[in-house]
PDB file of N, CA and C in Angstrom:
ATOM      1  N   MET A   1       0.838  -1.202   0.000  1.00  0.00           N
ATOM      2  CA  MET A   1       0.000   0.000   0.000  1.00  0.00           C
ATOM      3  C   MET A   1       0.870   1.248   0.000  1.00  0.00           C
ATOM      4  N   ASP A   2       0.441   2.233  -0.743  1.00  0.00           N
ATOM      5  CA  ASP A   2       1.185   3.485  -0.702  1.00  0.00           C
ATOM      6  C   ASP A   2       0.494   4.463   0.242  1.00  0.00           C
ATOM      7  N   GLU A   3       1.052   5.665   0.359  1.00  0.00           N
ATOM      8  CA  GLU A   3       0.513   6.655   1.294  1.00  0.00           C
ATOM      9  C   GLU A   3      -0.937   7.016   0.994  1.00  0.00           C
ATOM     10  N   ALA A   4      -1.303   7.085  -0.285  1.00  0.00           N
ATOM     11  CA  ALA A   4      -2.676   7.436  -0.657  1.00  0.00           C
ATOM     12  C   ALA A   4      -3.657   6.392  -0.147  1.00  0.00           C
ATOM     13  N   ASP A   5      -3.276   5.102  -0.189  1.00  0.00           N
ATOM     14  CA  ASP A   5      -4.141   4.045   0.314  1.00  0.00           C
ATOM     15  C   ASP A   5      -4.392   4.203   1.803  1.00  0.00           C
ATOM     16  N   TYR A   6      -3.336   4.526   2.555  1.00  0.00           N
ATOM     17  CA  TYR A   6      -3.502   4.709   3.991  1.00  0.00           C
ATOM     18  C   TYR A   6      -4.383   5.906   4.285  1.00  0.00           C
ATOM     19  N   SER A   7      -4.220   6.975   3.507  1.00  0.00           N
ATOM     20  CA  SER A   7      -5.025   8.173   3.710  1.00  0.00           C
ATOM     21  C   SER A   7      -6.499   7.881   3.428  1.00  0.00           C
ATOM     22  N   LEU A   8      -6.782   7.208   2.323  1.00  0.00           N
ATOM     23  CA  LEU A   8      -8.147   6.852   1.986  1.00  0.00           C
ATOM     24  C   LEU A   8      -8.737   5.947   3.057  1.00  0.00           C
ATOM     25  N   SER A   9      -7.961   4.992   3.508  1.00  0.00           N
ATOM     26  CA  SER A   9      -8.396   4.087   4.574  1.00  0.00           C
ATOM     27  C   SER A   9      -8.748   4.870   5.831  1.00  0.00           C
ATOM     28  N   GLY A  10      -7.942   5.859   6.179  1.00  0.00           N
ATOM     29  CA  GLY A  10      -8.211   6.680   7.357  1.00  0.00           C
ATOM     30  C   GLY A  10      -9.498   7.473   7.223  1.00  0.00           C
ATOM     31  N   VAL A  11      -9.750   8.008   6.038  1.00  0.00           N
ATOM     32  CA  VAL A  11     -10.972   8.782   5.791  1.00  0.00           C
ATOM     33  C   VAL A  11     -12.190   7.869   5.894  1.00  0.00           C
ATOM     34  N   ILE A  12     -12.104   6.672   5.301  1.00  0.00           N
ATOM     35  CA  ILE A  12     -13.210   5.725   5.358  1.00  0.00           C
ATOM     36  C   ILE A  12     -13.489   5.323   6.802  1.00  0.00           C
ATOM     37  N   ALA A  13     -12.426   5.078   7.574  1.00  0.00           N
ATOM     38  CA  ALA A  13     -12.598   4.704   8.980  1.00  0.00           C
ATOM     39  C   ALA A  13     -13.261   5.826   9.764  1.00  0.00           C
ATOM     40  N   MET A  14     -12.861   7.070   9.518  1.00  0.00           N
ATOM     41  CA  MET A  14     -13.456   8.202  10.224  1.00  0.00           C
ATOM     42  C   MET A  14     -14.948   8.329   9.869  1.00  0.00           C
ATOM     43  N   GLN A  15     -15.272   8.181   8.591  1.00  0.00           N
ATOM     44  CA  GLN A  15     -16.675   8.263   8.176  1.00  0.00           C
ATOM     45  C   GLN A  15     -17.487   7.125   8.789  1.00  0.00           C
ATOM     46  N   ALA A  16     -16.900   5.944   8.859  1.00  0.00           N
ATOM     47  CA  ALA A  16     -17.605   4.805   9.448  1.00  0.00           C
ATOM     48  C   ALA A  16     -17.867   5.055  10.931  1.00  0.00           C
ATOM     49  N   ARG A  17     -16.895   5.618  11.653  1.00  0.00           N
ATOM     50  CA  ARG A  17     -17.101   5.927  13.080  1.00  0.00           C
ATOM     51  C   ARG A  17     -18.206   6.951  13.252  1.00  0.00           C
ATOM     52  N   GLU A  18     -18.231   7.963  12.385  1.00  0.00           N
ATOM     53  CA  GLU A  18     -19.275   8.990  12.472  1.00  0.00           C
ATOM     54  C   GLU A  18     -20.651   8.377  12.221  1.00  0.00           C
ATOM     55  N   ARG A  19     -20.776   7.544  11.184  1.00  0.00           N
ATOM     56  CA  ARG A  19     -22.064   6.906  10.894  1.00  0.00           C
ATOM     57  C   ARG A  19     -22.473   5.974  12.021  1.00  0.00           C
ATOM     58  N   PHE A  20     -21.506   5.222  12.550  1.00  0.00           N
ATOM     59  CA  PHE A  20     -21.808   4.306  13.643  1.00  0.00           C
ATOM     60  C   PHE A  20     -22.271   5.092  14.870  1.00  0.00           C
ATOM     61  N   GLY A  21     -21.574   6.161  15.194  1.00  0.00           N
ATOM     62  CA  GLY A  21     -21.952   6.986  16.336  1.00  0.00           C
ATOM     63  C   GLY A  21     -23.335   7.579  16.187  1.00  0.00           C
ATOM     64  N   ALA A  22     -23.633   8.062  14.993  1.00  0.00           N
ATOM     65  CA  ALA A  22     -24.968   8.627  14.735  1.00  0.00           C
ATOM     66  C   ALA A  22     -26.036   7.550  14.855  1.00  0.00           C
ATOM     67  N   ARG A  23     -25.758   6.364  14.339  1.00  0.00           N
ATOM     68  CA  ARG A  23     -26.716   5.256  14.426  1.00  0.00           C
ATOM     69  C   ARG A  23     -26.943   4.863  15.883  1.00  0.00           C
ATOM     70  N   MET A  24     -25.875   4.802  16.685  1.00  0.00           N
ATOM     71  CA  MET A  24     -26.007   4.445  18.098  1.00  0.00           C
ATOM     72  C   MET A  24     -26.808   5.509  18.854  1.00  0.00           C
ATOM     73  N   ARG A  25     -26.556   6.781  18.561  1.00  0.00           N
ATOM     74  CA  ARG A  25     -27.310   7.869  19.203  1.00  0.00           C
ATOM     75  C   ARG A  25     -28.796   7.760  18.848  1.00  0.00           C
ATOM     76  N   SER A  26     -29.084   7.525  17.568  1.00  0.00           N
ATOM     77  CA  SER A  26     -30.466   7.382  17.115  1.00  0.00           C
ATOM     78  C   SER A  26     -31.150   6.198  17.802  1.00  0.00           C
ATOM     79  N   LEU A  27     -30.464   5.093  17.891  1.00  0.00           N
ATOM     80  CA  LEU A  27     -31.027   3.902  18.525  1.00  0.00           C
ATOM     81  C   LEU A  27     -31.239   4.123  20.025  1.00  0.00           C
ATOM     82  N   ARG A  28     -30.292   4.792  20.671  1.00  0.00           N
ATOM     83  CA  ARG A  28     -30.434   5.083  22.108  1.00  0.00           C
ATOM     84  C   ARG A  28     -31.677   5.944  22.341  1.00  0.00           C
ATOM     85  N   ARG A  29     -31.840   6.959  21.507  1.00  0.00           N
ATOM     86  CA  ARG A  29     -33.008   7.835  21.656  1.00  0.00           C
ATOM     87  C   ARG A  29     -34.301   7.081  21.361  1.00  0.00           C
ATOM     88  N   LEU A  30     -34.284   6.242  20.324  1.00  0.00           N
ATOM     89  CA  LEU A  30     -35.455   5.440  19.984  1.00  0.00           C
ATOM     90  C   LEU A  30     -35.860   4.559  21.165  1.00  0.00           C
ATOM     91  N   ARG A  31     -34.886   4.016  21.866  1.00  0.00           N
ATOM     92  CA  ARG A  31     -35.153   3.152  23.015  1.00  0.00           C
ATOM     93  C   ARG A  31     -35.477   3.941  24.287  1.00  0.00           C
ATOM     94  N   GLY A  32     -35.345   5.270  24.230  1.00  0.00           N
ATOM     95  CA  GLY A  32     -35.730   6.111  25.355  1.00  0.00           C
ATOM     96  C   GLY A  32     -34.696   6.240  26.456  1.00  0.00           C
ATOM     97  N   PHE A  33     -33.429   6.003  26.137  1.00  0.00           N
ATOM     98  CA  PHE A  33     -32.373   6.109  27.146  1.00  0.00           C
ATOM     99  C   PHE A  33     -31.649   7.440  27.047  1.00  0.00           C
ATOM    100  N   SER A  34     -31.265   7.981  28.182  1.00  0.00           N
ATOM    101  CA  SER A  34     -30.301   9.072  28.187  1.00  0.00           C
ATOM    102  C   SER A  34     -28.914   8.435  28.118  1.00  0.00           C
ATOM    103  N   GLN A  35     -27.903   9.230  27.831  1.00  0.00           N
ATOM    104  CA  GLN A  35     -26.545   8.684  27.841  1.00  0.00           C
ATOM    105  C   GLN A  35     -26.208   8.134  29.229  1.00  0.00           C
ATOM    106  N   ALA A  36     -26.602   8.846  30.262  1.00  0.00           N
ATOM    107  CA  ALA A  36     -26.302   8.416  31.629  1.00  0.00           C
ATOM    108  C   ALA A  36     -26.995   7.096  31.968  1.00  0.00           C
ATOM    109  N   ALA A  37     -28.256   6.957  31.558  1.00  0.00           N
ATOM    110  CA  ALA A  37     -28.992   5.721  31.847  1.00  0.00           C
ATOM    111  C   ALA A  37     -28.387   4.535  31.099  1.00  0.00           C
ATOM    112  N   LEU A  38     -28.001   4.749  29.856  1.00  0.00           N
ATOM    113  CA  LEU A  38     -27.376   3.681  29.086  1.00  0.00           C
ATOM    114  C   LEU A  38     -26.015   3.314  29.678  1.00  0.00           C
ATOM    115  N   ALA A  39     -25.284   4.320  30.107  1.00  0.00           N
ATOM    116  CA  ALA A  39     -23.989   4.069  30.738  1.00  0.00           C
ATOM    117  C   ALA A  39     -24.160   3.217  31.997  1.00  0.00           C
ATOM    118  N   GLU A  40     -25.132   3.558  32.810  1.00  0.00           N
ATOM    119  CA  GLU A  40     -25.380   2.795  34.032  1.00  0.00           C
ATOM    120  C   GLU A  40     -25.778   1.354  33.695  1.00  0.00           C
ATOM    121  N   ARG A  41     -26.624   1.200  32.717  1.00  0.00           N
ATOM    122  CA  ARG A  41     -27.099  -0.137  32.330  1.00  0.00           C
ATOM    123  C   ARG A  41     -25.967  -1.025  31.807  1.00  0.00           C
ATOM    124  N   THR A  42     -24.962  -0.418  31.184  1.00  0.00           N
ATOM    125  CA  THR A  42     -23.851  -1.174  30.596  1.00  0.00           C
ATOM    126  C   THR A  42     -22.579  -1.134  31.437  1.00  0.00           C
ATOM    127  N   ARG A  43     -22.673  -0.494  32.597  1.00  0.00           N
ATOM    128  CA  ARG A  43     -21.513  -0.352  33.492  1.00  0.00           C
ATOM    129  C   ARG A  43     -20.351   0.355  32.796  1.00  0.00           C
ATOM    130  N   ARG A  44     -20.694   1.354  32.039  1.00  0.00           N
ATOM    131  CA  ARG A  44     -19.716   2.216  31.393  1.00  0.00           C
ATOM    132  C   ARG A  44     -19.950   3.622  31.925  1.00  0.00           C
ATOM    133  N   THR A  45     -19.069   4.543  31.591  1.00  0.00           N
ATOM    134  CA  THR A  45     -19.266   5.930  31.991  1.00  0.00           C
ATOM    135  C   THR A  45     -20.084   6.660  30.924  1.00  0.00           C
ATOM    136  N   GLN A  46     -20.729   7.744  31.330  1.00  0.00           N
ATOM    137  CA  GLN A  46     -21.466   8.567  30.373  1.00  0.00           C
ATOM    138  C   GLN A  46     -20.498   9.109  29.327  1.00  0.00           C
ATOM    139  N   ALA A  47     -19.274   9.432  29.732  1.00  0.00           N
ATOM    140  CA  ALA A  47     -18.274   9.932  28.789  1.00  0.00           C
ATOM    141  C   ALA A  47     -17.939   8.885  27.726  1.00  0.00           C
ATOM    142  N   ARG A  48     -17.928   7.621  28.118  1.00  0.00           N
ATOM    143  CA  ARG A  48     -17.649   6.543  27.148  1.00  0.00           C
ATOM    144  C   ARG A  48     -18.798   6.440  26.142  1.00  0.00           C
ATOM    145  N   VAL A  49     -20.035   6.530  26.620  1.00  0.00           N
ATOM    146  CA  VAL A  49     -21.191   6.487  25.714  1.00  0.00           C
ATOM    147  C   VAL A  49     -21.126   7.676  24.760  1.00  0.00           C
ATOM    148  N   ALA A  50     -20.811   8.846  25.282  1.00  0.00           N
ATOM    149  CA  ALA A  50     -20.705  10.044  24.441  1.00  0.00           C
ATOM    150  C   ALA A  50     -19.600   9.878  23.398  1.00  0.00           C
ATOM    151  N   ALA A  51     -18.490   9.254  23.785  1.00  0.00           N
ATOM    152  CA  ALA A  51     -17.391   9.036  22.841  1.00  0.00           C
ATOM    153  C   ALA A  51     -17.815   8.099  21.703  1.00  0.00           C
ATOM    154  N   VAL A  52     -18.580   7.072  22.033  1.00  0.00           N
ATOM    155  CA  VAL A  52     -19.062   6.151  20.999  1.00  0.00           C
ATOM    156  C   VAL A  52     -19.970   6.906  20.031  1.00  0.00           C
ATOM    157  N   GLU A  53     -20.808   7.776  20.550  1.00  0.00           N
ATOM    158  CA  GLU A  53     -21.728   8.535  19.704  1.00  0.00           C
ATOM    159  C   GLU A  53     -21.024   9.645  18.940  1.00  0.00           C
ATOM    160  N   GLY A  54     -19.846  10.007  19.382  1.00  0.00           N
ATOM    161  CA  GLY A  54     -19.065  11.029  18.688  1.00  0.00           C
ATOM    162  C   GLY A  54     -18.092  10.378  17.734  1.00  0.00           C
ATOM    163  N   ARG A  55     -16.894  10.874  17.732  1.00  0.00           N
ATOM    164  CA  ARG A  55     -15.873  10.339  16.825  1.00  0.00           C
ATOM    165  C   ARG A  55     -14.879   9.449  17.551  1.00  0.00           C
ATOM    166  N   GLY A  56     -15.263   8.957  18.704  1.00  0.00           N
ATOM    167  CA  GLY A  56     -14.359   8.111  19.460  1.00  0.00           C
ATOM    168  C   GLY A  56     -14.065   6.804  18.754  1.00  0.00           C
ATOM    169  N   ASP A  57     -13.086   6.105  19.256  1.00  0.00           N
ATOM    170  CA  ASP A  57     -12.706   4.807  18.708  1.00  0.00           C
ATOM    171  C   ASP A  57     -12.897   3.785  19.827  1.00  0.00           C
ATOM    172  N   PRO A  58     -14.141   3.357  20.065  1.00  0.00           N
ATOM    173  CA  PRO A  58     -14.444   2.518  21.221  1.00  0.00           C
ATOM    174  C   PRO A  58     -13.914   1.091  21.078  1.00  0.00           C
ATOM    175  N   GLN A  59     -13.732   0.457  22.206  1.00  0.00           N
ATOM    176  CA  GLN A  59     -13.341  -0.943  22.215  1.00  0.00           C
ATOM    177  C   GLN A  59     -14.535  -1.796  21.808  1.00  0.00           C
ATOM    178  N   LEU A  60     -14.237  -2.953  21.245  1.00  0.00           N
ATOM    179  CA  LEU A  60     -15.298  -3.855  20.812  1.00  0.00           C
ATOM    180  C   LEU A  60     -16.192  -4.261  21.988  1.00  0.00           C
ATOM    181  N   THR A  61     -15.621  -4.459  23.162  1.00  0.00           N
ATOM    182  CA  THR A  61     -16.440  -4.846  24.315  1.00  0.00           C
ATOM    183  C   THR A  61     -17.451  -3.762  24.661  1.00  0.00           C
ATOM    184  N   THR A  62     -17.077  -2.517  24.502  1.00  0.00           N
ATOM    185  CA  THR A  62     -18.012  -1.413  24.743  1.00  0.00           C
ATOM    186  C   THR A  62     -19.117  -1.416  23.694  1.00  0.00           C
ATOM    187  N   ILE A  63     -18.755  -1.590  22.439  1.00  0.00           N
ATOM    188  CA  ILE A  63     -19.750  -1.633  21.368  1.00  0.00           C
ATOM    189  C   ILE A  63     -20.733  -2.771  21.614  1.00  0.00           C
ATOM    190  N   LEU A  64     -20.222  -3.941  21.963  1.00  0.00           N
ATOM    191  CA  LEU A  64     -21.092  -5.090  22.204  1.00  0.00           C
ATOM    192  C   LEU A  64     -22.021  -4.861  23.389  1.00  0.00           C
ATOM    193  N   ALA A  65     -21.507  -4.271  24.464  1.00  0.00           N
ATOM    194  CA  ALA A  65     -22.340  -3.991  25.640  1.00  0.00           C
ATOM    195  C   ALA A  65     -23.452  -3.006  25.293  1.00  0.00           C
ATOM    196  N   LEU A  66     -23.113  -1.971  24.545  1.00  0.00           N
ATOM    197  CA  LEU A  66     -24.116  -0.966  24.165  1.00  0.00           C
ATOM    198  C   LEU A  66     -25.168  -1.559  23.231  1.00  0.00           C
ATOM    199  N   THR A  67     -24.741  -2.311  22.234  1.00  0.00           N
ATOM    200  CA  THR A  67     -25.718  -2.878  21.310  1.00  0.00           C
ATOM    201  C   THR A  67     -26.628  -3.876  22.012  1.00  0.00           C
ATOM    202  N   GLU A  68     -26.083  -4.645  22.941  1.00  0.00           N
ATOM    203  CA  GLU A  68     -26.920  -5.587  23.686  1.00  0.00           C
ATOM    204  C   GLU A  68     -27.950  -4.837  24.530  1.00  0.00           C
ATOM    205  N   ALA A  69     -27.515  -3.786  25.207  1.00  0.00           N
ATOM    206  CA  ALA A  69     -28.432  -3.005  26.045  1.00  0.00           C
ATOM    207  C   ALA A  69     -29.523  -2.341  25.209  1.00  0.00           C
ATOM    208  N   LEU A  70     -29.199  -2.017  23.967  1.00  0.00           N
ATOM    209  CA  LEU A  70     -30.165  -1.370  23.077  1.00  0.00           C
ATOM    210  C   LEU A  70     -30.966  -2.377  22.249  1.00  0.00           C
ATOM    211  N   ARG A  71     -30.800  -3.660  22.547  1.00  0.00           N
ATOM    212  CA  ARG A  71     -31.483  -4.740  21.823  1.00  0.00           C
ATOM    213  C   ARG A  71     -31.240  -4.628  20.320  1.00  0.00           C
ATOM    214  N   ALA A  72     -29.945  -4.548  19.964  1.00  0.00           N
ATOM    215  CA  ALA A  72     -29.543  -4.431  18.568  1.00  0.00           C
ATOM    216  C   ALA A  72     -28.469  -5.476  18.271  1.00  0.00           C
ATOM    217  N   VAL A  73     -28.058  -5.542  17.037  1.00  0.00           N
ATOM    218  CA  VAL A  73     -27.009  -6.458  16.614  1.00  0.00           C
ATOM    219  C   VAL A  73     -26.006  -5.716  15.740  1.00  0.00           C
ATOM    220  N   LEU A  74     -24.801  -6.241  15.699  1.00  0.00           N
ATOM    221  CA  LEU A  74     -23.788  -5.746  14.765  1.00  0.00           C
ATOM    222  C   LEU A  74     -23.788  -6.677  13.567  1.00  0.00           C
ATOM    223  N   VAL A  75     -23.845  -6.094  12.391  1.00  0.00           N
ATOM    224  CA  VAL A  75     -23.891  -6.898  11.176  1.00  0.00           C
ATOM    225  C   VAL A  75     -22.847  -6.364  10.202  1.00  0.00           C
ATOM    226  N   PRO A  76     -21.885  -7.194   9.792  1.00  0.00           N
ATOM    227  CA  PRO A  76     -20.958  -6.748   8.747  1.00  0.00           C
ATOM    228  C   PRO A  76     -21.727  -6.575   7.445  1.00  0.00           C
ATOM    229  N   VAL A  77     -21.569  -5.431   6.823  1.00  0.00           N
ATOM    230  CA  VAL A  77     -22.307  -5.118   5.601  1.00  0.00           C
ATOM    231  C   VAL A  77     -21.299  -4.885   4.478  1.00  0.00           C
ATOM    232  N   PRO A  78     -21.477  -5.563   3.338  1.00  0.00           N
ATOM    233  CA  PRO A  78     -20.591  -5.293   2.196  1.00  0.00           C
ATOM    234  C   PRO A  78     -20.687  -3.821   1.816  1.00  0.00           C
ATOM    235  N   ILE A  79     -19.554  -3.204   1.555  1.00  0.00           N
ATOM    236  CA  ILE A  79     -19.512  -1.765   1.296  1.00  0.00           C
ATOM    237  C   ILE A  79     -20.432  -1.381   0.132  1.00  0.00           C
ATOM    238  N   GLU A  80     -20.570  -2.249  -0.858  1.00  0.00           N
ATOM    239  CA  GLU A  80     -21.423  -1.909  -1.999  1.00  0.00           C
ATOM    240  C   GLU A  80     -22.909  -1.924  -1.639  1.00  0.00           C
ATOM    241  N   ARG A  81     -23.265  -2.489  -0.500  1.00  0.00           N
ATOM    242  CA  ARG A  81     -24.671  -2.519  -0.051  1.00  0.00           C
ATOM    243  C   ARG A  81     -24.943  -1.507   1.070  1.00  0.00           C
ATOM    244  N   LEU A  82     -23.915  -0.783   1.503  1.00  0.00           N
ATOM    245  CA  LEU A  82     -24.039   0.097   2.659  1.00  0.00           C
ATOM    246  C   LEU A  82     -25.120   1.160   2.489  1.00  0.00           C
ATOM    247  N   ALA A  83     -25.161   1.822   1.359  1.00  0.00           N
ATOM    248  CA  ALA A  83     -26.167   2.885   1.149  1.00  0.00           C
ATOM    249  C   ALA A  83     -27.577   2.313   1.234  1.00  0.00           C
ATOM    250  N   GLU A  84     -27.781   1.143   0.657  1.00  0.00           N
ATOM    251  CA  GLU A  84     -29.103   0.497   0.698  1.00  0.00           C
ATOM    252  C   GLU A  84     -29.494   0.139   2.132  1.00  0.00           C
ATOM    253  N   VAL A  85     -28.548  -0.399   2.876  1.00  0.00           N
ATOM    254  CA  VAL A  85     -28.812  -0.775   4.271  1.00  0.00           C
ATOM    255  C   VAL A  85     -29.106   0.465   5.110  1.00  0.00           C
ATOM    256  N   GLU A  86     -28.330   1.529   4.920  1.00  0.00           N
ATOM    257  CA  GLU A  86     -28.564   2.759   5.684  1.00  0.00           C
ATOM    258  C   GLU A  86     -29.938   3.346   5.370  1.00  0.00           C
ATOM    259  N   ARG A  87     -30.367   3.296   4.114  1.00  0.00           N
ATOM    260  CA  ARG A  87     -31.717   3.786   3.760  1.00  0.00           C
ATOM    261  C   ARG A  87     -32.784   2.963   4.479  1.00  0.00           C
ATOM    262  N   LEU A  88     -32.605   1.658   4.523  1.00  0.00           N
ATOM    263  CA  LEU A  88     -33.567   0.802   5.226  1.00  0.00           C
ATOM    264  C   LEU A  88     -33.593   1.111   6.716  1.00  0.00           C
ATOM    265  N   LEU A  89     -32.444   1.302   7.299  1.00  0.00           N
ATOM    266  CA  LEU A  89     -32.390   1.608   8.731  1.00  0.00           C
ATOM    267  C   LEU A  89     -33.003   2.964   9.035  1.00  0.00           C
ATOM    268  N   ASP A  90     -32.733   3.949   8.187  1.00  0.00           N
ATOM    269  CA  ASP A  90     -33.337   5.270   8.388  1.00  0.00           C
ATOM    270  C   ASP A  90     -34.849   5.193   8.283  1.00  0.00           C
ATOM    271  N   LEU A  91     -35.358   4.476   7.303  1.00  0.00           N
ATOM    272  CA  LEU A  91     -36.801   4.283   7.139  1.00  0.00           C
ATOM    273  C   LEU A  91     -37.371   3.575   8.360  1.00  0.00           C
ATOM    274  N   ASN A  92     -36.693   2.536   8.813  1.00  0.00           N
ATOM    275  CA  ASN A  92     -37.140   1.778   9.975  1.00  0.00           C
ATOM    276  C   ASN A  92     -37.147   2.650  11.234  1.00  0.00           C
ATOM    277  N   ASP A  93     -36.137   3.507  11.401  1.00  0.00           N
ATOM    278  CA  ASP A  93     -36.087   4.406  12.557  1.00  0.00           C
ATOM    279  C   ASP A  93     -37.289   5.338  12.578  1.00  0.00           C
ATOM    280  N   ARG A  94     -37.691   5.826  11.415  1.00  0.00           N
ATOM    281  CA  ARG A  94     -38.825   6.759  11.356  1.00  0.00           C
ATOM    282  C   ARG A  94     -40.149   6.054  11.649  1.00  0.00           C
ATOM    283  N   GLU A  95     -40.243   4.778  11.267  1.00  0.00           N
ATOM    284  CA  GLU A  95     -41.508   4.059  11.404  1.00  0.00           C
ATOM    285  C   GLU A  95     -41.619   3.236  12.680  1.00  0.00           C
ATOM    286  N   ALA A  96     -40.493   2.924  13.326  1.00  0.00           N
ATOM    287  CA  ALA A  96     -40.493   1.976  14.444  1.00  0.00           C
ATOM    288  C   ALA A  96     -41.071   2.585  15.711  1.00  0.00           C
ATOM    289  N   LYS A  97     -41.793   1.768  16.451  1.00  0.00           N
ATOM    290  CA  LYS A  97     -42.223   2.119  17.797  1.00  0.00           C
ATOM    291  C   LYS A  97     -41.120   1.645  18.730  1.00  0.00           C
ATOM    292  N   PRO A  98     -40.985   2.240  19.919  1.00  0.00           N
ATOM    293  CA  PRO A  98     -39.876   1.875  20.795  1.00  0.00           C
ATOM    294  C   PRO A  98     -39.751   0.389  21.119  1.00  0.00           C
ATOM    295  N   ASP A  99     -40.838  -0.364  21.096  1.00  0.00           N
ATOM    296  CA  ASP A  99     -40.745  -1.773  21.456  1.00  0.00           C
ATOM    297  C   ASP A  99     -40.548  -2.691  20.252  1.00  0.00           C
ATOM    298  N   GLU A 100     -40.415  -2.116  19.038  1.00  0.00           N
ATOM    299  CA  GLU A 100     -40.207  -2.948  17.861  1.00  0.00           C
ATOM    300  C   GLU A 100     -38.720  -3.266  17.693  1.00  0.00           C
ATOM    301  N   ARG A 101     -38.428  -4.396  17.059  1.00  0.00           N
ATOM    302  CA  ARG A 101     -37.051  -4.780  16.789  1.00  0.00           C
ATOM    303  C   ARG A 101     -36.514  -3.920  15.661  1.00  0.00           C
ATOM    304  N   VAL A 102     -35.435  -3.229  15.873  1.00  0.00           N
ATOM    305  CA  VAL A 102     -34.858  -2.354  14.861  1.00  0.00           C
ATOM    306  C   VAL A 102     -34.268  -3.117  13.675  1.00  0.00           C
ATOM    307  N   PRO A 103     -33.608  -4.273  13.840  1.00  0.00           N
ATOM    308  CA  PRO A 103     -32.966  -4.912  12.690  1.00  0.00           C
ATOM    309  C   PRO A 103     -33.898  -5.590  11.684  1.00  0.00           C
ATOM    310  N   SER A 104     -35.209  -5.553  11.849  1.00  0.00           N
ATOM    311  CA  SER A 104     -36.087  -6.336  10.991  1.00  0.00           C
ATOM    312  C   SER A 104     -35.933  -6.014   9.506  1.00  0.00           C
ATOM    313  N   ALA A 105     -35.866  -4.752   9.121  1.00  0.00           N
ATOM    314  CA  ALA A 105     -35.702  -4.407   7.709  1.00  0.00           C
ATOM    315  C   ALA A 105     -34.358  -4.892   7.199  1.00  0.00           C
ATOM    316  N   LEU A 106     -33.345  -4.810   8.015  1.00  0.00           N
ATOM    317  CA  LEU A 106     -32.020  -5.284   7.652  1.00  0.00           C
ATOM    318  C   LEU A 106     -32.034  -6.797   7.449  1.00  0.00           C
ATOM    319  N   GLU A 107     -32.680  -7.511   8.340  1.00  0.00           N
ATOM    320  CA  GLU A 107     -32.771  -8.962   8.203  1.00  0.00           C
ATOM    321  C   GLU A 107     -33.487  -9.327   6.914  1.00  0.00           C
ATOM    322  N   GLU A 108     -34.553  -8.619   6.585  1.00  0.00           N
ATOM    323  CA  GLU A 108     -35.294  -8.887   5.349  1.00  0.00           C
ATOM    324  C   GLU A 108     -34.401  -8.687   4.130  1.00  0.00           C
ATOM    325  N   LEU A 109     -33.560  -7.679   4.153  1.00  0.00           N
ATOM    326  CA  LEU A 109     -32.652  -7.419   3.043  1.00  0.00           C
ATOM    327  C   LEU A 109     -31.716  -8.608   2.830  1.00  0.00           C
ATOM    328  N   PHE A 110     -31.129  -9.112   3.898  1.00  0.00           N
ATOM    329  CA  PHE A 110     -30.175 -10.194   3.750  1.00  0.00           C
ATOM    330  C   PHE A 110     -30.854 -11.527   3.466  1.00  0.00           C
ATOM    331  N   ILE A 111     -32.035 -11.736   3.946  1.00  0.00           N
ATOM    332  CA  ILE A 111     -32.776 -12.955   3.599  1.00  0.00           C
ATOM    333  C   ILE A 111     -33.089 -12.932   2.110  1.00  0.00           C
ATOM    334  N   ALA A 112     -33.529 -11.784   1.596  1.00  0.00           N
ATOM    335  CA  ALA A 112     -33.846 -11.668   0.178  1.00  0.00           C
ATOM    336  C   ALA A 112     -32.588 -11.868  -0.669  1.00  0.00           C
ATOM    337  N   SER A 113     -31.442 -11.316  -0.270  1.00  0.00           N
ATOM    338  CA  SER A 113     -30.229 -11.455  -1.060  1.00  0.00           C
ATOM    339  C   SER A 113     -29.722 -12.896  -1.021  1.00  0.00           C
ATOM    340  N   ASP A 114     -29.926 -13.620   0.077  1.00  0.00           N
ATOM    341  CA  ASP A 114     -29.535 -15.025   0.154  1.00  0.00           C
ATOM    342  C   ASP A 114     -30.366 -15.882  -0.793  1.00  0.00           C
ATOM    343  N   GLU A 115     -31.646 -15.552  -0.950  1.00  0.00           N
ATOM    344  CA  GLU A 115     -32.516 -16.301  -1.846  1.00  0.00           C
ATOM    345  C   GLU A 115     -32.160 -16.085  -3.314  1.00  0.00           C
ATOM    346  N   ASP A 116     -31.547 -14.936  -3.615  1.00  0.00           N
ATOM    347  CA  ASP A 116     -31.163 -14.633  -5.001  1.00  0.00           C
ATOM    348  C   ASP A 116     -29.934 -15.408  -5.452  1.00  0.00           C
ATOM    349  N   GLU A 117     -29.114 -15.895  -4.533  1.00  0.00           N
ATOM    350  CA  GLU A 117     -27.893 -16.613  -4.878  1.00  0.00           C
ATOM    351  C   GLU A 117     -28.216 -17.993  -5.416  1.00  0.00           C
ATOM    352  N   PRO A 118     -27.387 -18.452  -6.393  1.00  0.00           N
ATOM    353  CA  PRO A 118     -27.645 -19.777  -6.965  1.00  0.00           C
ATOM    354  C   PRO A 118     -27.378 -20.905  -6.001  1.00  0.00           C
TER     355      PRO A 118
END
């Protein structure tokens, strides 16, 4: 890899952290938690929750604890499908009631794509 590859990689990583943080903030609000309440529920500090929602670089254990507390899942998404998945999640966020499962539209997308494979 040359310097340009590392630079592009850094930009992509920063954008991914921003999108992830925004998604976590949206999900926390959808579930009705304050940062402090979520921190208490996950035995993390409010500052750690804020860092995840910002541009922080959280540890995987923190991400897993937060997603579990928010009744969510982490799903690796192929980069070429990312825009489609984000549109589905945004639509689901607008339509979901607090007690509904957030990943349902995402699950439907991957079930449909699995059926298309030979």
